[in-house]
Amino acid sequence: TEVELTRPRWYWFDEKTIRAVQTVRIGYNPWTRQYTATINQGLQQNFATLEDALALVLRPRRWIVADKGTLTAGAVYNVAVKLKLDLSYLPKTFLITSLNNSDWRFSSDWKRFTFKAEDK
């Protein structure tokens, strides 16, 4: 998942304020019959079903993309969010297939919206 925040400026190019990336890696262990999800090579959780593991990708929880003082209070930012499959995390057997087949290149379009930073 990629997130970009930019602040529009009338006198120059938009200010690129923040770019954050969150990587969720999902694996399956056939011996324990569990799915393991790892977030940014840190937090690791086990799940009984693939749907439960994919929930971390579809609905990220408490992902702080910016520190409190990074955004200017009252400023309006353009936000863009995108999901994609990172082929470099695939096992070697799937990687060879994915490089030769365009069906493996999963990526969403950028979802864009505006956000007004509030002072809290």
PDB file of N, CA and C in Angstrom:
ATOM      1  N   THR A   1       0.854  -1.173   0.000  1.00  0.00           N
ATOM      2  CA  THR A   1       0.000   0.000   0.000  1.00  0.00           C
ATOM      3  C   THR A   1       0.898   1.234   0.000  1.00  0.00           C
ATOM      4  N   GLU A   2       0.619   2.140  -0.902  1.00  0.00           N
ATOM      5  CA  GLU A   2       1.370   3.394  -0.985  1.00  0.00           C
ATOM      6  C   GLU A   2       0.431   4.564  -0.715  1.00  0.00           C
ATOM      7  N   VAL A   3       0.907   5.548   0.034  1.00  0.00           N
ATOM      8  CA  VAL A   3       0.152   6.770   0.294  1.00  0.00           C
ATOM      9  C   VAL A   3       1.061   7.956   0.010  1.00  0.00           C
ATOM     10  N   GLU A   4       0.532   8.920  -0.728  1.00  0.00           N
ATOM     11  CA  GLU A   4       1.268  10.155  -0.997  1.00  0.00           C
ATOM     12  C   GLU A   4       0.398  11.344  -0.617  1.00  0.00           C
ATOM     13  N   LEU A   5       0.962  12.281   0.104  1.00  0.00           N
ATOM     14  CA  LEU A   5       0.287  13.536   0.434  1.00  0.00           C
ATOM     15  C   LEU A   5       1.058  14.676  -0.202  1.00  0.00           C
ATOM     16  N   THR A   6       0.352  15.501  -0.942  1.00  0.00           N
ATOM     17  CA  THR A   6       0.952  16.687  -1.543  1.00  0.00           C
ATOM     18  C   THR A   6       0.098  17.893  -1.181  1.00  0.00           C
ATOM     19  N   ARG A   7       0.757  19.041  -1.085  1.00  0.00           N
ATOM     20  CA  ARG A   7       0.038  20.284  -0.803  1.00  0.00           C
ATOM     21  C   ARG A   7       0.121  21.158  -2.048  1.00  0.00           C
ATOM     22  N   PRO A   8      -1.045  21.538  -2.592  1.00  0.00           N
ATOM     23  CA  PRO A   8      -1.020  22.366  -3.807  1.00  0.00           C
ATOM     24  C   PRO A   8      -0.474  23.766  -3.520  1.00  0.00           C
ATOM     25  N   ARG A   9       0.301  24.269  -4.478  1.00  0.00           N
ATOM     26  CA  ARG A   9       0.837  25.636  -4.389  1.00  0.00           C
ATOM     27  C   ARG A   9       0.561  26.328  -5.711  1.00  0.00           C
ATOM     28  N   TRP A  10       0.180  27.567  -5.663  1.00  0.00           N
ATOM     29  CA  TRP A  10      -0.144  28.298  -6.879  1.00  0.00           C
ATOM     30  C   TRP A  10       1.108  28.788  -7.596  1.00  0.00           C
ATOM     31  N   TYR A  11       2.225  28.932  -6.897  1.00  0.00           N
ATOM     32  CA  TYR A  11       3.401  29.568  -7.480  1.00  0.00           C
ATOM     33  C   TYR A  11       4.459  28.587  -7.958  1.00  0.00           C
ATOM     34  N   TRP A  12       4.302  27.306  -7.697  1.00  0.00           N
ATOM     35  CA  TRP A  12       5.318  26.334  -8.071  1.00  0.00           C
ATOM     36  C   TRP A  12       4.667  24.964  -8.114  1.00  0.00           C
ATOM     37  N   PHE A  13       5.472  23.941  -8.331  1.00  0.00           N
ATOM     38  CA  PHE A  13       4.915  22.592  -8.307  1.00  0.00           C
ATOM     39  C   PHE A  13       4.357  22.275  -6.922  1.00  0.00           C
ATOM     40  N   ASP A  14       3.470  21.289  -6.863  1.00  0.00           N
ATOM     41  CA  ASP A  14       2.916  20.880  -5.569  1.00  0.00           C
ATOM     42  C   ASP A  14       4.028  20.407  -4.639  1.00  0.00           C
ATOM     43  N   GLU A  15       3.858  20.724  -3.364  1.00  0.00           N
ATOM     44  CA  GLU A  15       4.827  20.304  -2.349  1.00  0.00           C
ATOM     45  C   GLU A  15       4.565  18.846  -1.987  1.00  0.00           C
ATOM     46  N   LYS A  16       5.550  17.992  -2.194  1.00  0.00           N
ATOM     47  CA  LYS A  16       5.418  16.582  -1.825  1.00  0.00           C
ATOM     48  C   LYS A  16       5.744  16.455  -0.347  1.00  0.00           C
ATOM     49  N   THR A  17       4.704  16.327   0.446  1.00  0.00           N
ATOM     50  CA  THR A  17       4.860  16.341   1.892  1.00  0.00           C
ATOM     51  C   THR A  17       5.235  14.977   2.443  1.00  0.00           C
ATOM     52  N   ILE A  18       4.473  13.964   2.082  1.00  0.00           N
ATOM     53  CA  ILE A  18       4.675  12.638   2.672  1.00  0.00           C
ATOM     54  C   ILE A  18       4.523  11.563   1.609  1.00  0.00           C
ATOM     55  N   ARG A  19       5.356  10.552   1.702  1.00  0.00           N
ATOM     56  CA  ARG A  19       5.198   9.320   0.926  1.00  0.00           C
ATOM     57  C   ARG A  19       5.455   8.183   1.893  1.00  0.00           C
ATOM     58  N   ALA A  20       4.454   7.338   2.101  1.00  0.00           N
ATOM     59  CA  ALA A  20       4.571   6.222   3.032  1.00  0.00           C
ATOM     60  C   ALA A  20       4.205   4.925   2.323  1.00  0.00           C
ATOM     61  N   VAL A  21       4.893   3.855   2.691  1.00  0.00           N
ATOM     62  CA  VAL A  21       4.647   2.540   2.117  1.00  0.00           C
ATOM     63  C   VAL A  21       4.485   1.544   3.257  1.00  0.00           C
ATOM     64  N   GLN A  22       3.455   0.725   3.158  1.00  0.00           N
ATOM     65  CA  GLN A  22       3.260  -0.357   4.118  1.00  0.00           C
ATOM     66  C   GLN A  22       3.222  -1.667   3.344  1.00  0.00           C
ATOM     67  N   THR A  23       4.082  -2.605   3.736  1.00  0.00           N
ATOM     68  CA  THR A  23       4.157  -3.895   3.071  1.00  0.00           C
ATOM     69  C   THR A  23       3.595  -4.969   3.987  1.00  0.00           C
ATOM     70  N   VAL A  24       2.644  -5.734   3.467  1.00  0.00           N
ATOM     71  CA  VAL A  24       2.080  -6.868   4.188  1.00  0.00           C
ATOM     72  C   VAL A  24       2.437  -8.116   3.398  1.00  0.00           C
ATOM     73  N   ARG A  25       3.158  -9.013   4.036  1.00  0.00           N
ATOM     74  CA  ARG A  25       3.571 -10.256   3.385  1.00  0.00           C
ATOM     75  C   ARG A  25       2.786 -11.407   4.004  1.00  0.00           C
ATOM     76  N   ILE A  26       2.101 -12.169   3.156  1.00  0.00           N
ATOM     77  CA  ILE A  26       1.279 -13.278   3.623  1.00  0.00           C
ATOM     78  C   ILE A  26       1.886 -14.589   3.131  1.00  0.00           C
ATOM     79  N   GLY A  27       2.059 -15.507   4.065  1.00  0.00           N
ATOM     80  CA  GLY A  27       2.592 -16.833   3.730  1.00  0.00           C
ATOM     81  C   GLY A  27       1.714 -17.915   4.334  1.00  0.00           C
ATOM     82  N   TYR A  28       1.869 -19.130   3.815  1.00  0.00           N
ATOM     83  CA  TYR A  28       1.082 -20.257   4.311  1.00  0.00           C
ATOM     84  C   TYR A  28       2.021 -21.364   4.762  1.00  0.00           C
ATOM     85  N   ASN A  29       1.763 -21.902   5.954  1.00  0.00           N
ATOM     86  CA  ASN A  29       2.538 -23.031   6.471  1.00  0.00           C
ATOM     87  C   ASN A  29       1.647 -24.275   6.410  1.00  0.00           C
ATOM     88  N   PRO A  30       1.944 -25.202   5.500  1.00  0.00           N
ATOM     89  CA  PRO A  30       1.073 -26.380   5.351  1.00  0.00           C
ATOM     90  C   PRO A  30       1.123 -27.313   6.563  1.00  0.00           C
ATOM     91  N   TRP A  31       2.161 -27.275   7.365  1.00  0.00           N
ATOM     92  CA  TRP A  31       2.252 -28.167   8.521  1.00  0.00           C
ATOM     93  C   TRP A  31       1.346 -27.720   9.654  1.00  0.00           C
ATOM     94  N   THR A  32       1.290 -26.407   9.876  1.00  0.00           N
ATOM     95  CA  THR A  32       0.408 -25.887  10.930  1.00  0.00           C
ATOM     96  C   THR A  32      -0.959 -25.491  10.372  1.00  0.00           C
ATOM     97  N   ARG A  33      -1.073 -25.472   9.042  1.00  0.00           N
ATOM     98  CA  ARG A  33      -2.303 -25.064   8.357  1.00  0.00           C
ATOM     99  C   ARG A  33      -2.743 -23.670   8.790  1.00  0.00           C
ATOM    100  N   GLN A  34      -1.774 -22.775   8.855  1.00  0.00           N
ATOM    101  CA  GLN A  34      -2.036 -21.391   9.234  1.00  0.00           C
ATOM    102  C   GLN A  34      -1.398 -20.443   8.236  1.00  0.00           C
ATOM    103  N   TYR A  35      -2.024 -19.295   8.089  1.00  0.00           N
ATOM    104  CA  TYR A  35      -1.477 -18.203   7.296  1.00  0.00           C
ATOM    105  C   TYR A  35      -0.766 -17.254   8.244  1.00  0.00           C
ATOM    106  N   THR A  36       0.373 -16.755   7.803  1.00  0.00           N
ATOM    107  CA  THR A  36       1.140 -15.800   8.588  1.00  0.00           C
ATOM    108  C   THR A  36       1.216 -14.497   7.814  1.00  0.00           C
ATOM    109  N   ALA A  37       0.872 -13.407   8.479  1.00  0.00           N
ATOM    110  CA  ALA A  37       0.943 -12.080   7.875  1.00  0.00           C
ATOM    111  C   ALA A  37       1.986 -11.266   8.633  1.00  0.00           C
ATOM    112  N   THR A  38       2.909 -10.679   7.892  1.00  0.00           N
ATOM    113  CA  THR A  38       3.963  -9.856   8.467  1.00  0.00           C
ATOM    114  C   THR A  38       3.828  -8.441   7.912  1.00  0.00           C
ATOM    115  N   ILE A  39       3.812  -7.449   8.800  1.00  0.00           N
ATOM    116  CA  ILE A  39       3.669  -6.055   8.391  1.00  0.00           C
ATOM    117  C   ILE A  39       5.020  -5.367   8.513  1.00  0.00           C
ATOM    118  N   ASN A  40       5.505  -4.820   7.388  1.00  0.00           N
ATOM    119  CA  ASN A  40       6.781  -4.092   7.329  1.00  0.00           C
ATOM    120  C   ASN A  40       7.928  -4.856   7.992  1.00  0.00           C
ATOM    121  N   GLN A  41       7.991  -6.137   7.789  1.00  0.00           N
ATOM    122  CA  GLN A  41       9.041  -7.007   8.324  1.00  0.00           C
ATOM    123  C   GLN A  41       9.148  -6.926   9.840  1.00  0.00           C
ATOM    124  N   GLY A  42       8.044  -6.615  10.504  1.00  0.00           N
ATOM    125  CA  GLY A  42       8.046  -6.482  11.959  1.00  0.00           C
ATOM    126  C   GLY A  42       6.969  -7.331  12.598  1.00  0.00           C
ATOM    127  N   LEU A  43       5.819  -6.719  12.830  1.00  0.00           N
ATOM    128  CA  LEU A  43       4.701  -7.387  13.484  1.00  0.00           C
ATOM    129  C   LEU A  43       4.254  -8.596  12.675  1.00  0.00           C
ATOM    130  N   GLN A  44       4.098  -9.735  13.361  1.00  0.00           N
ATOM    131  CA  GLN A  44       3.703 -10.973  12.696  1.00  0.00           C
ATOM    132  C   GLN A  44       2.502 -11.569  13.420  1.00  0.00           C
ATOM    133  N   GLN A  45       1.488 -11.978  12.647  1.00  0.00           N
ATOM    134  CA  GLN A  45       0.288 -12.575  13.211  1.00  0.00           C
ATOM    135  C   GLN A  45      -0.063 -13.834  12.433  1.00  0.00           C
ATOM    136  N   ASN A  46      -0.680 -14.809  13.114  1.00  0.00           N
ATOM    137  CA  ASN A  46      -1.134 -16.037  12.475  1.00  0.00           C
ATOM    138  C   ASN A  46      -2.648 -16.006  12.325  1.00  0.00           C
ATOM    139  N   PHE A  47      -3.134 -16.578  11.222  1.00  0.00           N
ATOM    140  CA  PHE A  47      -4.562 -16.612  10.930  1.00  0.00           C
ATOM    141  C   PHE A  47      -4.948 -17.998  10.442  1.00  0.00           C
ATOM    142  N   ALA A  48      -6.192 -18.373  10.728  1.00  0.00           N
ATOM    143  CA  ALA A  48      -6.688 -19.681  10.311  1.00  0.00           C
ATOM    144  C   ALA A  48      -7.116 -19.697   8.843  1.00  0.00           C
ATOM    145  N   THR A  49      -7.577 -18.547   8.327  1.00  0.00           N
ATOM    146  CA  THR A  49      -8.050 -18.491   6.943  1.00  0.00           C
ATOM    147  C   THR A  49      -7.334 -17.387   6.166  1.00  0.00           C
ATOM    148  N   LEU A  50      -7.332 -17.539   4.861  1.00  0.00           N
ATOM    149  CA  LEU A  50      -6.731 -16.528   3.992  1.00  0.00           C
ATOM    150  C   LEU A  50      -7.506 -15.217   4.065  1.00  0.00           C
ATOM    151  N   GLU A  51      -8.816 -15.291   4.185  1.00  0.00           N
ATOM    152  CA  GLU A  51      -9.635 -14.076   4.266  1.00  0.00           C
ATOM    153  C   GLU A  51      -9.258 -13.226   5.476  1.00  0.00           C
ATOM    154  N   ASP A  52      -8.990 -13.888   6.608  1.00  0.00           N
ATOM    155  CA  ASP A  52      -8.588 -13.144   7.801  1.00  0.00           C
ATOM    156  C   ASP A  52      -7.234 -12.473   7.605  1.00  0.00           C
ATOM    157  N   ALA A  53      -6.312 -13.157   6.943  1.00  0.00           N
ATOM    158  CA  ALA A  53      -4.986 -12.582   6.687  1.00  0.00           C
ATOM    159  C   ALA A  53      -5.077 -11.413   5.705  1.00  0.00           C
ATOM    160  N   LEU A  54      -5.921 -11.542   4.688  1.00  0.00           N
ATOM    161  CA  LEU A  54      -6.068 -10.474   3.702  1.00  0.00           C
ATOM    162  C   LEU A  54      -6.741  -9.234   4.279  1.00  0.00           C
ATOM    163  N   ALA A  55      -7.420  -9.383   5.408  1.00  0.00           N
ATOM    164  CA  ALA A  55      -8.051  -8.220   6.046  1.00  0.00           C
ATOM    165  C   ALA A  55      -7.012  -7.164   6.441  1.00  0.00           C
ATOM    166  N   LEU A  56      -5.775  -7.594   6.718  1.00  0.00           N
ATOM    167  CA  LEU A  56      -4.712  -6.625   7.038  1.00  0.00           C
ATOM    168  C   LEU A  56      -4.361  -5.753   5.831  1.00  0.00           C
ATOM    169  N   VAL A  57      -4.518  -6.305   4.644  1.00  0.00           N
ATOM    170  CA  VAL A  57      -4.239  -5.540   3.428  1.00  0.00           C
ATOM    171  C   VAL A  57      -5.420  -4.633   3.097  1.00  0.00           C
ATOM    172  N   LEU A  58      -6.613  -5.184   3.186  1.00  0.00           N
ATOM    173  CA  LEU A  58      -7.804  -4.445   2.775  1.00  0.00           C
ATOM    174  C   LEU A  58      -8.222  -3.373   3.770  1.00  0.00           C
ATOM    175  N   ARG A  59      -7.978  -3.593   5.059  1.00  0.00           N
ATOM    176  CA  ARG A  59      -8.353  -2.635   6.092  1.00  0.00           C
ATOM    177  C   ARG A  59      -7.199  -2.456   7.073  1.00  0.00           C
ATOM    178  N   PRO A  60      -6.178  -1.683   6.686  1.00  0.00           N
ATOM    179  CA  PRO A  60      -5.044  -1.498   7.605  1.00  0.00           C
ATOM    180  C   PRO A  60      -5.474  -0.781   8.880  1.00  0.00           C
ATOM    181  N   ARG A  61      -4.972  -1.254   9.997  1.00  0.00           N
ATOM    182  CA  ARG A  61      -5.354  -0.680  11.294  1.00  0.00           C
ATOM    183  C   ARG A  61      -4.220   0.169  11.854  1.00  0.00           C
ATOM    184  N   ARG A  62      -4.588   1.333  12.349  1.00  0.00           N
ATOM    185  CA  ARG A  62      -3.666   2.215  13.072  1.00  0.00           C
ATOM    186  C   ARG A  62      -2.346   2.442  12.332  1.00  0.00           C
ATOM    187  N   TRP A  63      -2.425   2.681  11.049  1.00  0.00           N
ATOM    188  CA  TRP A  63      -1.232   2.977  10.266  1.00  0.00           C
ATOM    189  C   TRP A  63      -1.037   4.486  10.299  1.00  0.00           C
ATOM    190  N   ILE A  64      -0.016   4.918  10.996  1.00  0.00           N
ATOM    191  CA  ILE A  64       0.297   6.341  11.102  1.00  0.00           C
ATOM    192  C   ILE A  64       1.261   6.684   9.969  1.00  0.00           C
ATOM    193  N   VAL A  65       0.774   7.459   9.004  1.00  0.00           N
ATOM    194  CA  VAL A  65       1.588   7.779   7.836  1.00  0.00           C
ATOM    195  C   VAL A  65       2.424   9.034   8.038  1.00  0.00           C
ATOM    196  N   ALA A  66       2.112   9.819   9.086  1.00  0.00           N
ATOM    197  CA  ALA A  66       2.868  11.050   9.334  1.00  0.00           C
ATOM    198  C   ALA A  66       2.921  11.329  10.823  1.00  0.00           C
ATOM    199  N   ASP A  67       4.012  11.886  11.256  1.00  0.00           N
ATOM    200  CA  ASP A  67       4.107  12.341  12.638  1.00  0.00           C
ATOM    201  C   ASP A  67       3.198  13.549  12.836  1.00  0.00           C
ATOM    202  N   LYS A  68       2.905  13.829  14.089  1.00  0.00           N
ATOM    203  CA  LYS A  68       1.940  14.877  14.419  1.00  0.00           C
ATOM    204  C   LYS A  68       2.319  16.248  13.860  1.00  0.00           C
ATOM    205  N   GLY A  69       3.556  16.629  13.901  1.00  0.00           N
ATOM    206  CA  GLY A  69       3.973  17.954  13.466  1.00  0.00           C
ATOM    207  C   GLY A  69       4.295  18.087  11.993  1.00  0.00           C
ATOM    208  N   THR A  70       4.130  17.022  11.224  1.00  0.00           N
ATOM    209  CA  THR A  70       4.511  17.049   9.817  1.00  0.00           C
ATOM    210  C   THR A  70       3.559  17.890   8.970  1.00  0.00           C
ATOM    211  N   LEU A  71       2.267  17.807   9.244  1.00  0.00           N
ATOM    212  CA  LEU A  71       1.278  18.543   8.462  1.00  0.00           C
ATOM    213  C   LEU A  71       0.994  19.905   9.081  1.00  0.00           C
ATOM    214  N   THR A  72       0.707  20.873   8.235  1.00  0.00           N
ATOM    215  CA  THR A  72       0.380  22.221   8.681  1.00  0.00           C
ATOM    216  C   THR A  72      -1.111  22.295   8.998  1.00  0.00           C
ATOM    217  N   ALA A  73      -1.440  22.732  10.205  1.00  0.00           N
ATOM    218  CA  ALA A  73      -2.845  22.816  10.624  1.00  0.00           C
ATOM    219  C   ALA A  73      -3.605  23.781   9.719  1.00  0.00           C
ATOM    220  N   GLY A  74      -4.788  23.360   9.252  1.00  0.00           N
ATOM    221  CA  GLY A  74      -5.614  24.181   8.389  1.00  0.00           C
ATOM    222  C   GLY A  74      -5.299  24.054   6.916  1.00  0.00           C
ATOM    223  N   ALA A  75      -4.196  23.426   6.568  1.00  0.00           N
ATOM    224  CA  ALA A  75      -3.823  23.270   5.167  1.00  0.00           C
ATOM    225  C   ALA A  75      -4.593  22.111   4.538  1.00  0.00           C
ATOM    226  N   VAL A  76      -4.869  22.260   3.255  1.00  0.00           N
ATOM    227  CA  VAL A  76      -5.563  21.212   2.507  1.00  0.00           C
ATOM    228  C   VAL A  76      -4.532  20.430   1.706  1.00  0.00           C
ATOM    229  N   TYR A  77      -4.602  19.110   1.806  1.00  0.00           N
ATOM    230  CA  TYR A  77      -3.655  18.224   1.133  1.00  0.00           C
ATOM    231  C   TYR A  77      -4.391  17.333   0.145  1.00  0.00           C
ATOM    232  N   ASN A  78      -3.716  17.015  -0.940  1.00  0.00           N
ATOM    233  CA  ASN A  78      -4.201  16.013  -1.885  1.00  0.00           C
ATOM    234  C   ASN A  78      -3.613  14.673  -1.467  1.00  0.00           C
ATOM    235  N   VAL A  79      -4.472  13.672  -1.289  1.00  0.00           N
ATOM    236  CA  VAL A  79      -4.036  12.355  -0.846  1.00  0.00           C
ATOM    237  C   VAL A  79      -4.261  11.371  -1.988  1.00  0.00           C
ATOM    238  N   ALA A  80      -3.278  10.497  -2.211  1.00  0.00           N
ATOM    239  CA  ALA A  80      -3.391   9.440  -3.213  1.00  0.00           C
ATOM    240  C   ALA A  80      -3.011   8.113  -2.558  1.00  0.00           C
ATOM    241  N   VAL A  81      -3.834   7.094  -2.781  1.00  0.00           N
ATOM    242  CA  VAL A  81      -3.621   5.772  -2.189  1.00  0.00           C
ATOM    243  C   VAL A  81      -3.656   4.734  -3.303  1.00  0.00           C
ATOM    244  N   LYS A  82      -2.742   3.750  -3.215  1.00  0.00           N
ATOM    245  CA  LYS A  82      -2.647   2.718  -4.243  1.00  0.00           C
ATOM    246  C   LYS A  82      -2.237   1.391  -3.605  1.00  0.00           C
ATOM    247  N   LEU A  83      -2.832   0.305  -4.068  1.00  0.00           N
ATOM    248  CA  LEU A  83      -2.454  -1.045  -3.653  1.00  0.00           C
ATOM    249  C   LEU A  83      -1.799  -1.753  -4.828  1.00  0.00           C
ATOM    250  N   LYS A  84      -0.769  -2.554  -4.549  1.00  0.00           N
ATOM    251  CA  LYS A  84      -0.146  -3.319  -5.636  1.00  0.00           C
ATOM    252  C   LYS A  84       0.518  -4.569  -5.084  1.00  0.00           C
ATOM    253  N   LEU A  85       0.706  -5.539  -5.959  1.00  0.00           N
ATOM    254  CA  LEU A  85       1.418  -6.764  -5.627  1.00  0.00           C
ATOM    255  C   LEU A  85       2.885  -6.556  -5.960  1.00  0.00           C
ATOM    256  N   ASP A  86       3.738  -6.687  -4.956  1.00  0.00           N
ATOM    257  CA  ASP A  86       5.176  -6.543  -5.153  1.00  0.00           C
ATOM    258  C   ASP A  86       5.746  -7.902  -5.543  1.00  0.00           C
ATOM    259  N   LEU A  87       6.122  -8.047  -6.800  1.00  0.00           N
ATOM    260  CA  LEU A  87       6.590  -9.328  -7.313  1.00  0.00           C
ATOM    261  C   LEU A  87       7.895  -9.788  -6.675  1.00  0.00           C
ATOM    262  N   SER A  88       8.654  -8.876  -6.105  1.00  0.00           N
ATOM    263  CA  SER A  88       9.945  -9.262  -5.516  1.00  0.00           C
ATOM    264  C   SER A  88       9.766 -10.121  -4.265  1.00  0.00           C
ATOM    265  N   TYR A  89       8.587 -10.137  -3.670  1.00  0.00           N
ATOM    266  CA  TYR A  89       8.342 -10.944  -2.476  1.00  0.00           C
ATOM    267  C   TYR A  89       7.857 -12.359  -2.805  1.00  0.00           C
ATOM    268  N   LEU A  90       7.590 -12.632  -4.064  1.00  0.00           N
ATOM    269  CA  LEU A  90       7.108 -13.960  -4.441  1.00  0.00           C
ATOM    270  C   LEU A  90       8.224 -15.000  -4.350  1.00  0.00           C
ATOM    271  N   PRO A  91       7.865 -16.258  -4.042  1.00  0.00           N
ATOM    272  CA  PRO A  91       8.880 -17.329  -4.093  1.00  0.00           C
ATOM    273  C   PRO A  91       9.430 -17.455  -5.513  1.00  0.00           C
ATOM    274  N   LYS A  92      10.636 -17.984  -5.624  1.00  0.00           N
ATOM    275  CA  LYS A  92      11.323 -18.056  -6.926  1.00  0.00           C
ATOM    276  C   LYS A  92      10.500 -18.782  -7.982  1.00  0.00           C
ATOM    277  N   THR A  93       9.795 -19.844  -7.613  1.00  0.00           N
ATOM    278  CA  THR A  93       9.013 -20.581  -8.608  1.00  0.00           C
ATOM    279  C   THR A  93       7.902 -19.726  -9.202  1.00  0.00           C
ATOM    280  N   PHE A  94       7.266 -18.891  -8.384  1.00  0.00           N
ATOM    281  CA  PHE A  94       6.227 -17.996  -8.891  1.00  0.00           C
ATOM    282  C   PHE A  94       6.823 -16.786  -9.585  1.00  0.00           C
ATOM    283  N   LEU A  95       8.001 -16.363  -9.162  1.00  0.00           N
ATOM    284  CA  LEU A  95       8.636 -15.185  -9.744  1.00  0.00           C
ATOM    285  C   LEU A  95       8.932 -15.394 -11.225  1.00  0.00           C
ATOM    286  N   ILE A  96       9.415 -16.560 -11.588  1.00  0.00           N
ATOM    287  CA  ILE A  96       9.718 -16.857 -12.999  1.00  0.00           C
ATOM    288  C   ILE A  96       8.441 -16.789 -13.833  1.00  0.00           C
ATOM    289  N   THR A  97       7.367 -17.360 -13.317  1.00  0.00           N
ATOM    290  CA  THR A  97       6.080 -17.324 -14.022  1.00  0.00           C
ATOM    291  C   THR A  97       5.550 -15.901 -14.117  1.00  0.00           C
ATOM    292  N   SER A  98       5.673 -15.145 -13.050  1.00  0.00           N
ATOM    293  CA  SER A  98       5.116 -13.791 -13.034  1.00  0.00           C
ATOM    294  C   SER A  98       5.837 -12.839 -13.972  1.00  0.00           C
ATOM    295  N   LEU A  99       7.125 -13.061 -14.181  1.00  0.00           N
ATOM    296  CA  LEU A  99       7.877 -12.173 -15.075  1.00  0.00           C
ATOM    297  C   LEU A  99       7.469 -12.362 -16.532  1.00  0.00           C
ATOM    298  N   ASN A 100       6.997 -13.549 -16.870  1.00  0.00           N
ATOM    299  CA  ASN A 100       6.610 -13.846 -18.249  1.00  0.00           C
ATOM    300  C   ASN A 100       5.119 -13.686 -18.507  1.00  0.00           C
ATOM    301  N   ASN A 101       4.340 -13.396 -17.465  1.00  0.00           N
ATOM    302  CA  ASN A 101       2.892 -13.347 -17.609  1.00  0.00           C
ATOM    303  C   ASN A 101       2.373 -12.034 -17.021  1.00  0.00           C
ATOM    304  N   SER A 102       1.731 -11.230 -17.848  1.00  0.00           N
ATOM    305  CA  SER A 102       1.241  -9.921 -17.381  1.00  0.00           C
ATOM    306  C   SER A 102       0.047 -10.057 -16.444  1.00  0.00           C
ATOM    307  N   ASP A 103      -0.590 -11.212 -16.375  1.00  0.00           N
ATOM    308  CA  ASP A 103      -1.718 -11.401 -15.454  1.00  0.00           C
ATOM    309  C   ASP A 103      -1.288 -11.313 -13.994  1.00  0.00           C
ATOM    310  N   TRP A 104      -0.008 -11.441 -13.711  1.00  0.00           N
ATOM    311  CA  TRP A 104       0.500 -11.387 -12.339  1.00  0.00           C
ATOM    312  C   TRP A 104       0.771  -9.966 -11.866  1.00  0.00           C
ATOM    313  N   ARG A 105       0.664  -8.999 -12.726  1.00  0.00           N
ATOM    314  CA  ARG A 105       0.965  -7.618 -12.354  1.00  0.00           C
ATOM    315  C   ARG A 105      -0.296  -6.931 -11.843  1.00  0.00           C
ATOM    316  N   PHE A 106      -0.590  -7.169 -10.565  1.00  0.00           N
ATOM    317  CA  PHE A 106      -1.776  -6.595  -9.938  1.00  0.00           C
ATOM    318  C   PHE A 106      -1.444  -5.224  -9.373  1.00  0.00           C
ATOM    319  N   SER A 107      -2.273  -4.250  -9.714  1.00  0.00           N
ATOM    320  CA  SER A 107      -2.101  -2.905  -9.181  1.00  0.00           C
ATOM    321  C   SER A 107      -3.408  -2.158  -9.337  1.00  0.00           C
ATOM    322  N   SER A 108      -3.795  -1.457  -8.298  1.00  0.00           N
ATOM    323  CA  SER A 108      -5.006  -0.640  -8.394  1.00  0.00           C
ATOM    324  C   SER A 108      -4.654   0.711  -8.998  1.00  0.00           C
ATOM    325  N   ASP A 109      -5.662   1.430  -9.388  1.00  0.00           N
ATOM    326  CA  ASP A 109      -5.461   2.810  -9.805  1.00  0.00           C
ATOM    327  C   ASP A 109      -5.286   3.655  -8.545  1.00  0.00           C
ATOM    328  N   TRP A 110      -4.748   4.849  -8.713  1.00  0.00           N
ATOM    329  CA  TRP A 110      -4.617   5.759  -7.579  1.00  0.00           C
ATOM    330  C   TRP A 110      -6.007   6.237  -7.185  1.00  0.00           C
ATOM    331  N   LYS A 111      -6.345   6.123  -5.929  1.00  0.00           N
ATOM    332  CA  LYS A 111      -7.581   6.685  -5.379  1.00  0.00           C
ATOM    333  C   LYS A 111      -7.196   8.036  -4.785  1.00  0.00           C
ATOM    334  N   ARG A 112      -7.828   9.103  -5.271  1.00  0.00           N
ATOM    335  CA  ARG A 112      -7.446  10.454  -4.860  1.00  0.00           C
ATOM    336  C   ARG A 112      -8.593  11.153  -4.130  1.00  0.00           C
ATOM    337  N   PHE A 113      -8.224  11.894  -3.084  1.00  0.00           N
ATOM    338  CA  PHE A 113      -9.178  12.712  -2.348  1.00  0.00           C
ATOM    339  C   PHE A 113      -8.426  13.813  -1.639  1.00  0.00           C
ATOM    340  N   THR A 114      -9.164  14.800  -1.084  1.00  0.00           N
ATOM    341  CA  THR A 114      -8.520  15.900  -0.361  1.00  0.00           C
ATOM    342  C   THR A 114      -8.717  15.691   1.137  1.00  0.00           C
ATOM    343  N   PHE A 115      -7.793  16.252   1.886  1.00  0.00           N
ATOM    344  CA  PHE A 115      -7.789  16.119   3.334  1.00  0.00           C
ATOM    345  C   PHE A 115      -7.374  17.450   3.941  1.00  0.00           C
ATOM    346  N   LYS A 116      -8.124  17.908   4.937  1.00  0.00           N
ATOM    347  CA  LYS A 116      -7.774  19.153   5.627  1.00  0.00           C
ATOM    348  C   LYS A 116      -7.213  18.794   6.990  1.00  0.00           C
ATOM    349  N   ALA A 117      -5.982  19.201   7.244  1.00  0.00           N
ATOM    350  CA  ALA A 117      -5.313  18.920   8.526  1.00  0.00           C
ATOM    351  C   ALA A 117      -5.906  19.802   9.604  1.00  0.00           C
ATOM    352  N   GLU A 118      -6.214  19.168  10.725  1.00  0.00           N
ATOM    353  CA  GLU A 118      -6.771  19.904  11.850  1.00  0.00           C
ATOM    354  C   GLU A 118      -5.766  19.943  12.977  1.00  0.00           C
ATOM    355  N   ASP A 119      -5.886  20.983  13.802  1.00  0.00           N
ATOM    356  CA  ASP A 119      -4.986  21.142  14.953  1.00  0.00           C
ATOM    357  C   ASP A 119      -5.607  20.418  16.152  1.00  0.00           C
ATOM    358  N   LYS A 120      -4.865  19.457  16.690  1.00  0.00           N
ATOM    359  CA  LYS A 120      -5.348  18.729  17.880  1.00  0.00           C
ATOM    360  C   LYS A 120      -4.221  18.556  18.842  1.00  0.00           C
TER     361      LYS A 120
END
